[in-house]
Amino acid sequence: MGANNAAPDHADAACRDAGNAAEQYTRPAFAAAHSFARRLDGKAPWKAIKENKPAAGTALYVAIQVIASLKTVFYPFLPFSS
């Protein structure tokens, strides 16, 4: 088999390395997104708007800013979705 299998083996290794690099890069971003989702759920602006409109507005503003930041972070991996 020898030389004919060298290119596919090299390509497989390159794909694995790229996948590992992508996972190392995106894992903290997914953790931040998950953490923020829990925070937003705790703020519950959909409920707070009845009692405290400024607080609900602030929570929604922060949510939009976080989403915009995550869009930028994920762009290299999801270019057509970001």
Protein backbone atom coordinates (compact mmCIF):
# COMPACT_ATOMS: atom_id res chain seq x y z
CA MET A 1 0.00 0.00 0.00
CA GLY A 2 2.75 2.46 0.95
CA ALA A 3 2.84 5.81 -0.83
CA ASN A 4 -0.71 5.70 -2.19
CA ASN A 5 -2.17 5.83 1.32
CA ALA A 6 0.06 8.69 2.48
CA ALA A 7 -2.16 11.45 1.09
CA PRO A 8 -5.44 10.14 2.54
CA ASP A 9 -3.76 9.56 5.92
CA HIS A 10 -2.35 13.08 5.83
CA ALA A 11 -5.77 14.51 4.90
CA ASP A 12 -7.45 12.57 7.71
CA ALA A 13 -4.92 13.90 10.21
CA ALA A 14 -5.41 17.46 8.94
CA CYS A 15 -9.20 17.15 9.29
CA ARG A 16 -8.85 15.79 12.82
CA ASP A 17 -6.49 18.63 13.74
CA ALA A 18 -8.88 21.22 12.29
CA GLY A 19 -11.80 19.65 14.16
CA ASN A 20 -9.86 19.70 17.42
CA ALA A 21 -8.87 23.33 16.90
CA ALA A 22 -12.47 24.30 16.13
CA GLU A 23 -13.71 22.51 19.23
CA GLN A 24 -11.10 24.21 21.42
CA TYR A 25 -12.13 27.58 20.01
CA THR A 26 -15.88 27.12 20.16
CA ARG A 27 -16.19 25.35 23.52
CA PRO A 28 -15.70 28.54 25.58
CA ALA A 29 -18.11 30.41 23.29
CA PHE A 30 -20.78 27.74 23.75
CA ALA A 31 -20.18 27.83 27.51
CA ALA A 32 -20.60 31.62 27.51
CA ALA A 33 -23.79 31.34 25.45
CA HIS A 34 -25.18 28.72 27.82
CA SER A 35 -24.26 30.80 30.86
CA PHE A 36 -25.90 33.87 29.38
CA ALA A 37 -29.04 31.91 28.49
CA ARG A 38 -29.35 30.89 32.14
CA ARG A 39 -28.83 34.51 33.22
CA LEU A 40 -31.45 35.76 30.78
CA ASP A 41 -33.86 33.09 31.96
CA GLY A 42 -33.30 34.31 35.52
CA LYS A 43 -33.97 37.92 34.53
CA ALA A 44 -37.14 36.83 32.66
CA PRO A 45 -37.75 40.10 30.81
CA TRP A 46 -40.98 38.62 29.39
CA LYS A 47 -42.31 38.66 32.97
CA ALA A 48 -40.42 41.71 34.26
CA ILE A 49 -41.90 43.97 31.58
CA LYS A 50 -45.19 44.00 33.51
CA GLU A 51 -43.55 45.35 36.67
CA ASN A 52 -40.30 47.02 35.65
CA LYS A 53 -40.04 48.11 32.01
CA PRO A 54 -36.55 49.64 32.32
CA ALA A 55 -35.11 46.43 33.80
CA ALA A 56 -36.78 44.36 31.08
CA GLY A 57 -35.43 46.72 28.44
CA THR A 58 -31.92 46.48 29.87
CA ALA A 59 -32.07 42.68 29.92
CA LEU A 60 -33.21 42.60 26.28
CA TYR A 61 -30.56 45.14 25.25
CA VAL A 62 -27.83 43.06 26.88
CA ALA A 63 -29.24 39.93 25.20
CA ILE A 64 -29.02 41.59 21.79
CA GLN A 65 -25.43 42.68 22.46
CA VAL A 66 -24.42 39.18 23.59
CA ILE A 67 -26.04 37.64 20.51
CA ALA A 68 -24.18 40.11 18.28
CA SER A 69 -20.90 39.19 19.97
CA LEU A 70 -21.56 35.46 19.66
CA LYS A 71 -22.42 35.97 15.99
CA THR A 72 -18.94 37.42 15.48
CA VAL A 73 -17.26 34.63 17.43
CA PHE A 74 -19.05 31.87 15.52
CA TYR A 75 -18.72 33.44 12.05
CA PRO A 76 -15.63 31.43 11.07
CA PHE A 77 -17.53 28.22 11.77
CA LEU A 78 -21.06 29.20 10.66
CA PRO A 79 -20.52 31.83 7.96
CA PHE A 80 -23.99 31.56 6.42
CA SER A 81 -25.80 31.48 9.76
CA SER A 82 -24.01 34.30 11.55
